[in-house]
N, C-alpha and C. Protein backbone atom coordinates (compact mmCIF):
# COMPACT_ATOMS: atom_id res chain seq x y z
N MET A 1 25.23 -18.64 -12.99
CA MET A 1 24.07 -18.29 -12.19
C MET A 1 24.19 -16.83 -11.75
N VAL A 2 23.11 -16.07 -11.81
CA VAL A 2 23.08 -14.69 -11.34
C VAL A 2 21.83 -14.46 -10.52
N GLY A 3 21.80 -13.43 -9.74
CA GLY A 3 20.62 -13.12 -8.95
C GLY A 3 20.97 -12.20 -7.81
N VAL A 4 19.97 -11.87 -7.02
CA VAL A 4 20.12 -11.00 -5.87
C VAL A 4 19.40 -11.65 -4.71
N GLU A 5 20.03 -11.59 -3.52
CA GLU A 5 19.34 -12.03 -2.32
C GLU A 5 19.60 -11.02 -1.22
N ILE A 6 18.68 -10.92 -0.30
CA ILE A 6 18.79 -10.00 0.82
C ILE A 6 19.34 -10.80 2.00
N VAL A 7 20.47 -10.35 2.52
CA VAL A 7 21.13 -11.05 3.62
C VAL A 7 20.81 -10.33 4.93
N LEU A 8 20.35 -11.10 5.91
CA LEU A 8 20.07 -10.58 7.24
C LEU A 8 20.94 -11.33 8.24
N VAL A 9 21.69 -10.61 9.04
CA VAL A 9 22.46 -11.23 10.12
C VAL A 9 21.58 -11.21 11.37
N VAL A 10 21.44 -12.38 11.98
CA VAL A 10 20.58 -12.54 13.15
C VAL A 10 21.31 -13.38 14.19
N GLN A 11 20.81 -13.37 15.41
CA GLN A 11 21.47 -14.16 16.45
C GLN A 11 21.28 -15.65 16.23
N ASP A 12 20.13 -16.06 15.69
CA ASP A 12 19.84 -17.48 15.52
C ASP A 12 18.98 -17.67 14.26
N SER A 13 19.61 -18.04 13.18
CA SER A 13 18.93 -18.18 11.88
C SER A 13 17.73 -19.12 11.95
N LEU A 14 17.87 -20.21 12.66
CA LEU A 14 16.80 -21.20 12.70
C LEU A 14 15.57 -20.67 13.43
N ALA A 15 15.78 -19.94 14.53
CA ALA A 15 14.66 -19.34 15.26
C ALA A 15 13.97 -18.28 14.42
N VAL A 16 14.75 -17.48 13.72
CA VAL A 16 14.18 -16.42 12.87
C VAL A 16 13.37 -17.04 11.73
N LEU A 17 13.91 -18.08 11.11
CA LEU A 17 13.19 -18.76 10.03
C LEU A 17 11.85 -19.29 10.53
N GLU A 18 11.85 -19.90 11.71
CA GLU A 18 10.59 -20.43 12.27
C GLU A 18 9.57 -19.31 12.48
N LEU A 19 10.02 -18.15 12.96
CA LEU A 19 9.10 -17.03 13.16
C LEU A 19 8.53 -16.56 11.83
N TYR A 20 9.40 -16.38 10.82
CA TYR A 20 8.92 -15.90 9.53
C TYR A 20 7.95 -16.89 8.90
N GLU A 21 8.14 -18.18 9.16
CA GLU A 21 7.22 -19.18 8.63
C GLU A 21 5.84 -19.07 9.29
N GLN A 22 5.77 -18.54 10.50
CA GLN A 22 4.49 -18.33 11.17
C GLN A 22 3.73 -17.15 10.56
N ILE A 23 4.46 -16.23 9.93
CA ILE A 23 3.85 -15.00 9.43
C ILE A 23 3.59 -15.04 7.93
N PHE A 24 4.60 -15.44 7.16
CA PHE A 24 4.55 -15.36 5.71
C PHE A 24 4.50 -16.74 5.06
N GLN A 25 4.21 -16.73 3.76
CA GLN A 25 4.28 -17.96 2.96
C GLN A 25 5.74 -18.14 2.54
N VAL A 26 6.49 -18.83 3.38
CA VAL A 26 7.92 -19.02 3.19
C VAL A 26 8.18 -20.32 2.45
N GLU A 27 9.08 -20.25 1.48
CA GLU A 27 9.56 -21.46 0.81
C GLU A 27 11.03 -21.63 1.15
N ARG A 28 11.34 -22.71 1.86
CA ARG A 28 12.73 -22.99 2.22
C ARG A 28 13.51 -23.39 0.98
N VAL A 29 14.73 -22.89 0.87
CA VAL A 29 15.63 -23.25 -0.22
C VAL A 29 16.77 -24.10 0.33
N GLU A 30 17.49 -23.57 1.32
CA GLU A 30 18.59 -24.28 1.97
C GLU A 30 18.60 -23.89 3.45
N VAL A 31 18.69 -24.88 4.33
CA VAL A 31 18.74 -24.62 5.77
C VAL A 31 19.74 -25.58 6.39
N THR A 32 20.69 -25.04 7.16
CA THR A 32 21.67 -25.88 7.83
C THR A 32 21.20 -26.21 9.25
N ALA A 33 21.87 -27.15 9.88
CA ALA A 33 21.55 -27.56 11.26
C ALA A 33 22.84 -27.69 12.06
N PHE A 34 23.66 -26.64 12.04
CA PHE A 34 24.93 -26.63 12.76
C PHE A 34 24.71 -26.00 14.14
N PRO A 35 25.75 -25.99 14.97
CA PRO A 35 25.63 -25.27 16.25
C PRO A 35 25.35 -23.78 16.00
N LYS A 36 24.65 -23.16 16.96
CA LYS A 36 24.33 -21.73 16.86
C LYS A 36 25.62 -20.94 16.64
N GLY A 37 25.57 -20.02 15.69
CA GLY A 37 26.74 -19.25 15.32
C GLY A 37 27.30 -19.67 13.98
N SER A 38 26.85 -20.80 13.47
CA SER A 38 27.34 -21.32 12.19
C SER A 38 26.23 -21.60 11.20
N ASN A 39 24.99 -21.32 11.57
CA ASN A 39 23.87 -21.66 10.71
C ASN A 39 23.56 -20.58 9.68
N GLU A 40 22.87 -21.02 8.66
CA GLU A 40 22.31 -20.12 7.66
C GLU A 40 21.03 -20.73 7.12
N ALA A 41 20.17 -19.88 6.62
CA ALA A 41 18.91 -20.35 6.03
C ALA A 41 18.60 -19.46 4.83
N VAL A 42 18.37 -20.09 3.71
CA VAL A 42 17.97 -19.38 2.49
C VAL A 42 16.51 -19.74 2.24
N PHE A 43 15.70 -18.72 1.98
CA PHE A 43 14.27 -18.94 1.75
C PHE A 43 13.74 -17.83 0.86
N THR A 44 12.52 -18.01 0.37
CA THR A 44 11.87 -16.96 -0.41
C THR A 44 10.53 -16.61 0.22
N ILE A 45 10.16 -15.34 0.04
CA ILE A 45 8.81 -14.85 0.35
C ILE A 45 8.31 -14.22 -0.94
N TYR A 46 7.27 -14.79 -1.50
CA TYR A 46 6.70 -14.30 -2.76
C TYR A 46 7.77 -14.09 -3.83
N GLY A 47 8.70 -15.03 -3.92
CA GLY A 47 9.71 -15.00 -4.97
C GLY A 47 10.96 -14.20 -4.66
N VAL A 48 10.98 -13.46 -3.55
CA VAL A 48 12.16 -12.69 -3.16
C VAL A 48 13.02 -13.58 -2.26
N ARG A 49 14.30 -13.64 -2.60
CA ARG A 49 15.22 -14.54 -1.90
C ARG A 49 15.88 -13.82 -0.72
N PHE A 50 15.77 -14.44 0.46
CA PHE A 50 16.39 -13.96 1.69
C PHE A 50 17.42 -14.98 2.15
N HIS A 51 18.47 -14.50 2.81
CA HIS A 51 19.53 -15.37 3.31
C HIS A 51 19.83 -14.94 4.74
N LEU A 52 19.49 -15.79 5.70
CA LEU A 52 19.78 -15.51 7.10
C LEU A 52 21.14 -16.09 7.45
N LEU A 53 21.94 -15.31 8.16
CA LEU A 53 23.24 -15.77 8.65
C LEU A 53 23.29 -15.58 10.15
N ASP A 54 23.76 -16.60 10.87
CA ASP A 54 23.96 -16.44 12.31
C ASP A 54 25.02 -15.39 12.57
N GLU A 55 24.78 -14.61 13.62
CA GLU A 55 25.78 -13.65 14.07
C GLU A 55 27.07 -14.40 14.37
N ASN A 56 28.19 -13.86 13.89
CA ASN A 56 29.47 -14.52 14.09
C ASN A 56 30.58 -13.47 14.01
N PRO A 57 31.04 -12.98 15.17
CA PRO A 57 32.05 -11.92 15.19
C PRO A 57 33.33 -12.28 14.45
N GLU A 58 33.67 -13.56 14.41
CA GLU A 58 34.88 -13.99 13.71
C GLU A 58 34.84 -13.59 12.24
N TYR A 59 33.64 -13.54 11.66
CA TYR A 59 33.46 -13.18 10.26
C TYR A 59 32.87 -11.78 10.09
N GLN A 60 32.90 -10.98 11.17
CA GLN A 60 32.37 -9.61 11.15
C GLN A 60 30.87 -9.57 10.86
N LEU A 61 30.15 -10.57 11.31
CA LEU A 61 28.70 -10.64 11.12
C LEU A 61 28.03 -10.29 12.44
N GLN A 62 27.34 -9.14 12.48
CA GLN A 62 26.72 -8.68 13.71
C GLN A 62 25.24 -8.39 13.47
N ALA A 63 24.40 -8.95 14.32
CA ALA A 63 22.96 -8.72 14.25
C ALA A 63 22.63 -7.33 14.77
N PRO A 64 21.47 -6.77 14.38
CA PRO A 64 21.06 -5.48 14.92
C PRO A 64 20.97 -5.53 16.44
N GLY A 65 21.28 -4.41 17.10
CA GLY A 65 21.18 -4.33 18.55
C GLY A 65 19.75 -4.07 18.98
N ALA A 66 19.60 -3.70 20.24
CA ALA A 66 18.27 -3.47 20.81
C ALA A 66 17.50 -2.37 20.09
N GLU A 67 18.24 -1.42 19.49
CA GLU A 67 17.56 -0.32 18.78
C GLU A 67 16.98 -0.77 17.45
N GLY A 68 17.35 -1.94 16.98
CA GLY A 68 16.82 -2.46 15.72
C GLY A 68 17.46 -1.81 14.51
N MET A 69 17.03 -2.27 13.35
CA MET A 69 17.54 -1.76 12.08
C MET A 69 16.59 -0.66 11.63
N ARG A 70 16.94 0.59 11.86
CA ARG A 70 16.04 1.72 11.59
C ARG A 70 16.14 2.26 10.17
N SER A 71 17.21 1.96 9.45
CA SER A 71 17.37 2.55 8.13
C SER A 71 16.99 1.60 7.00
N LEU A 72 16.44 0.45 7.33
CA LEU A 72 16.08 -0.55 6.33
C LEU A 72 14.73 -1.15 6.68
N SER A 73 13.85 -1.27 5.69
CA SER A 73 12.55 -1.90 5.89
C SER A 73 12.28 -2.84 4.73
N PHE A 74 11.47 -3.85 5.00
CA PHE A 74 11.05 -4.77 3.95
C PHE A 74 9.57 -4.52 3.70
N ASN A 75 9.22 -4.22 2.46
CA ASN A 75 7.86 -3.93 2.07
C ASN A 75 7.29 -5.17 1.38
N VAL A 76 6.28 -5.77 1.99
CA VAL A 76 5.72 -7.02 1.47
C VAL A 76 4.26 -6.79 1.10
N LEU A 77 3.93 -7.05 -0.16
CA LEU A 77 2.54 -7.00 -0.60
C LEU A 77 1.92 -8.36 -0.29
N VAL A 78 0.85 -8.35 0.48
CA VAL A 78 0.24 -9.60 0.95
C VAL A 78 -1.21 -9.70 0.47
N PRO A 79 -1.73 -10.91 0.38
CA PRO A 79 -3.11 -11.07 -0.08
C PRO A 79 -4.14 -10.72 0.98
N ASP A 80 -3.79 -10.84 2.27
CA ASP A 80 -4.73 -10.55 3.36
C ASP A 80 -3.95 -9.88 4.49
N ILE A 81 -3.97 -8.56 4.53
CA ILE A 81 -3.17 -7.82 5.49
C ILE A 81 -3.62 -8.06 6.93
N GLU A 82 -4.90 -8.16 7.15
CA GLU A 82 -5.41 -8.40 8.51
C GLU A 82 -4.86 -9.72 9.05
N GLU A 83 -4.93 -10.76 8.24
CA GLU A 83 -4.45 -12.08 8.67
C GLU A 83 -2.94 -12.07 8.90
N THR A 84 -2.19 -11.51 7.95
CA THR A 84 -0.73 -11.50 8.07
C THR A 84 -0.29 -10.68 9.28
N PHE A 85 -0.90 -9.52 9.49
CA PHE A 85 -0.55 -8.67 10.61
C PHE A 85 -0.87 -9.35 11.94
N ALA A 86 -2.03 -10.01 12.02
CA ALA A 86 -2.40 -10.74 13.24
C ALA A 86 -1.39 -11.85 13.53
N LYS A 87 -0.94 -12.54 12.49
CA LYS A 87 0.08 -13.58 12.68
C LYS A 87 1.37 -12.99 13.22
N ALA A 88 1.76 -11.84 12.71
CA ALA A 88 2.99 -11.20 13.17
C ALA A 88 2.90 -10.84 14.65
N LEU A 89 1.79 -10.25 15.05
CA LEU A 89 1.63 -9.87 16.45
C LEU A 89 1.57 -11.09 17.35
N LYS A 90 0.87 -12.12 16.90
CA LYS A 90 0.77 -13.37 17.68
C LYS A 90 2.14 -14.02 17.84
N ALA A 91 3.01 -13.85 16.85
CA ALA A 91 4.34 -14.46 16.87
C ALA A 91 5.33 -13.63 17.69
N GLY A 92 4.88 -12.52 18.27
CA GLY A 92 5.75 -11.74 19.14
C GLY A 92 6.34 -10.48 18.52
N CYS A 93 5.85 -10.08 17.38
CA CYS A 93 6.33 -8.84 16.75
C CYS A 93 5.67 -7.64 17.44
N THR A 94 6.30 -6.47 17.28
CA THR A 94 5.83 -5.25 17.92
C THR A 94 5.19 -4.34 16.88
N GLN A 95 3.94 -3.97 17.14
CA GLN A 95 3.22 -3.09 16.23
C GLN A 95 3.87 -1.72 16.16
N VAL A 96 4.04 -1.22 14.95
CA VAL A 96 4.46 0.15 14.72
C VAL A 96 3.24 0.94 14.24
N GLN A 97 2.56 0.40 13.22
CA GLN A 97 1.36 1.03 12.68
C GLN A 97 0.31 -0.05 12.52
N PRO A 98 -0.89 0.14 13.08
CA PRO A 98 -1.93 -0.86 12.87
C PRO A 98 -2.38 -0.86 11.41
N VAL A 99 -3.18 -1.84 11.06
CA VAL A 99 -3.72 -1.88 9.70
C VAL A 99 -4.51 -0.60 9.48
N THR A 100 -4.10 0.13 8.43
CA THR A 100 -4.67 1.44 8.14
C THR A 100 -5.12 1.49 6.69
N PRO A 101 -6.42 1.60 6.44
CA PRO A 101 -6.89 1.75 5.06
C PRO A 101 -6.51 3.12 4.51
N ILE A 102 -6.06 3.14 3.27
CA ILE A 102 -5.77 4.39 2.56
C ILE A 102 -6.54 4.30 1.24
N PRO A 103 -7.85 4.51 1.30
CA PRO A 103 -8.72 4.25 0.16
C PRO A 103 -8.36 5.03 -1.10
N GLU A 104 -7.92 6.29 -0.94
CA GLU A 104 -7.59 7.08 -2.13
C GLU A 104 -6.41 6.50 -2.90
N LEU A 105 -5.56 5.74 -2.21
CA LEU A 105 -4.42 5.10 -2.87
C LEU A 105 -4.69 3.63 -3.18
N GLY A 106 -5.86 3.15 -2.77
CA GLY A 106 -6.26 1.77 -3.10
C GLY A 106 -5.58 0.70 -2.28
N VAL A 107 -5.02 1.07 -1.11
CA VAL A 107 -4.29 0.10 -0.31
C VAL A 107 -4.66 0.20 1.16
N SER A 108 -4.25 -0.84 1.90
CA SER A 108 -4.18 -0.79 3.36
C SER A 108 -2.73 -1.05 3.71
N SER A 109 -2.27 -0.44 4.80
CA SER A 109 -0.88 -0.66 5.20
C SER A 109 -0.80 -0.90 6.70
N ALA A 110 0.31 -1.51 7.11
CA ALA A 110 0.61 -1.76 8.52
C ALA A 110 2.11 -1.97 8.61
N SER A 111 2.66 -1.88 9.81
CA SER A 111 4.09 -2.18 9.96
C SER A 111 4.38 -2.70 11.36
N PHE A 112 5.50 -3.44 11.45
CA PHE A 112 5.91 -4.00 12.73
C PHE A 112 7.41 -4.23 12.73
N PHE A 113 7.96 -4.32 13.95
CA PHE A 113 9.33 -4.78 14.14
C PHE A 113 9.26 -6.23 14.57
N ASP A 114 10.10 -7.07 13.96
CA ASP A 114 10.18 -8.44 14.45
C ASP A 114 11.06 -8.46 15.70
N PRO A 115 11.03 -9.54 16.48
CA PRO A 115 11.81 -9.58 17.72
C PRO A 115 13.32 -9.51 17.50
N PHE A 116 13.76 -9.57 16.25
CA PHE A 116 15.19 -9.60 15.93
C PHE A 116 15.69 -8.25 15.42
N GLY A 117 14.80 -7.23 15.44
CA GLY A 117 15.21 -5.88 15.12
C GLY A 117 14.94 -5.41 13.70
N TYR A 118 14.28 -6.20 12.89
CA TYR A 118 14.02 -5.80 11.51
C TYR A 118 12.61 -5.24 11.36
N HIS A 119 12.49 -4.21 10.50
CA HIS A 119 11.22 -3.51 10.28
C HIS A 119 10.55 -4.05 9.03
N TRP A 120 9.28 -4.39 9.15
CA TRP A 120 8.49 -4.94 8.04
C TRP A 120 7.28 -4.06 7.78
N LEU A 121 7.10 -3.67 6.52
CA LEU A 121 5.91 -2.94 6.08
C LEU A 121 5.03 -3.91 5.32
N LEU A 122 3.75 -3.89 5.61
CA LEU A 122 2.80 -4.73 4.89
C LEU A 122 1.86 -3.84 4.10
N HIS A 123 1.53 -4.28 2.90
CA HIS A 123 0.53 -3.59 2.08
C HIS A 123 -0.38 -4.61 1.42
N GLN A 124 -1.63 -4.27 1.35
CA GLN A 124 -2.58 -5.05 0.56
C GLN A 124 -3.19 -4.09 -0.46
N VAL A 125 -3.10 -4.47 -1.71
CA VAL A 125 -3.66 -3.65 -2.78
C VAL A 125 -5.11 -4.04 -2.99
N HIS A 126 -6.01 -3.08 -2.84
CA HIS A 126 -7.44 -3.32 -3.04
C HIS A 126 -7.88 -2.94 -4.45
N ARG A 127 -7.22 -1.92 -4.98
CA ARG A 127 -7.45 -1.53 -6.37
C ARG A 127 -6.19 -0.85 -6.87
N GLU A 128 -5.90 -1.03 -8.14
CA GLU A 128 -4.69 -0.46 -8.70
C GLU A 128 -4.87 1.03 -8.94
N VAL A 129 -3.90 1.81 -8.49
CA VAL A 129 -3.87 3.25 -8.70
C VAL A 129 -2.56 3.53 -9.43
N SER A 130 -2.64 4.16 -10.58
CA SER A 130 -1.44 4.39 -11.38
C SER A 130 -0.47 5.34 -10.68
N PHE A 131 0.76 5.31 -11.11
CA PHE A 131 1.78 6.21 -10.58
C PHE A 131 1.34 7.66 -10.76
N GLU A 132 0.83 7.98 -11.93
CA GLU A 132 0.39 9.35 -12.21
C GLU A 132 -0.73 9.79 -11.25
N GLU A 133 -1.67 8.89 -10.99
CA GLU A 133 -2.75 9.21 -10.04
C GLU A 133 -2.19 9.43 -8.63
N ARG A 134 -1.25 8.57 -8.22
CA ARG A 134 -0.65 8.72 -6.89
C ARG A 134 0.09 10.05 -6.77
N VAL A 135 0.82 10.43 -7.81
CA VAL A 135 1.55 11.71 -7.80
C VAL A 135 0.54 12.86 -7.66
N GLN A 136 -0.54 12.79 -8.41
CA GLN A 136 -1.55 13.85 -8.35
C GLN A 136 -2.15 13.95 -6.94
N ILE A 137 -2.45 12.81 -6.34
CA ILE A 137 -3.00 12.81 -4.97
C ILE A 137 -2.03 13.47 -4.01
N TRP A 138 -0.74 13.12 -4.10
CA TRP A 138 0.26 13.70 -3.20
C TRP A 138 0.48 15.19 -3.47
N GLU A 139 0.46 15.58 -4.74
CA GLU A 139 0.61 17.00 -5.06
C GLU A 139 -0.54 17.80 -4.45
N GLU A 140 -1.75 17.27 -4.55
CA GLU A 140 -2.91 17.96 -3.96
C GLU A 140 -2.79 18.05 -2.45
N ARG A 141 -2.29 16.98 -1.82
CA ARG A 141 -2.09 17.00 -0.37
C ARG A 141 -1.05 18.04 0.01
N ILE A 142 0.05 18.08 -0.74
CA ILE A 142 1.13 19.02 -0.43
C ILE A 142 0.65 20.45 -0.62
N GLN A 143 -0.03 20.71 -1.74
CA GLN A 143 -0.54 22.06 -2.01
C GLN A 143 -1.58 22.45 -0.98
N GLY A 144 -2.44 21.52 -0.61
CA GLY A 144 -3.46 21.78 0.42
C GLY A 144 -2.82 22.11 1.75
N GLY A 145 -1.75 21.40 2.09
CA GLY A 145 -1.04 21.66 3.33
C GLY A 145 -0.37 23.02 3.33
N ASN A 146 0.18 23.44 2.18
CA ASN A 146 0.83 24.74 2.08
C ASN A 146 -0.19 25.87 2.18
N GLN A 147 -1.41 25.66 1.63
CA GLN A 147 -2.45 26.68 1.71
C GLN A 147 -2.92 26.85 3.15
N GLU A 148 -2.98 25.73 3.89
CA GLU A 148 -3.40 25.81 5.29
C GLU A 148 -2.37 26.54 6.13
N ASP A 149 -1.09 26.46 5.72
CA ASP A 149 -0.01 27.14 6.44
C ASP A 149 0.11 28.60 6.02
N GLY A 150 -0.75 29.06 5.09
CA GLY A 150 -0.71 30.42 4.62
C GLY A 150 0.35 30.68 3.56
N LYS A 151 0.81 29.65 2.92
CA LYS A 151 1.85 29.80 1.88
C LYS A 151 1.23 29.83 0.52
């Protein structure tokens, strides 16, 4: 067997799993029911495998602190960004960026921190824009910005 899964250390795997189930279309794979500190939960979101582990200092497993995980984000393409984002906020997540249409790139985006310190980016694709088109759009923005700066 081979594969990749994203492991998140959290204070309480079961509580985190319940929150994610309120926001995303989660498919449970394996979930334990041990005392807090010994639990784990494996699940998928749109085919991507996640593995939650309870914080456990004995095994060097430490959840993000109050500052959250700033160097890692999860980018999830969703079918309805307004609905998914509203679920996240209702479940206690903190808005970073409201739902923002970016019509020239064919998407809307939003982001939030979950109560456990992890950063989630949401995107809904409204129309496909090729990589080459996206590069051209950004090059024009960069060149336009340099011209405004007198460069």
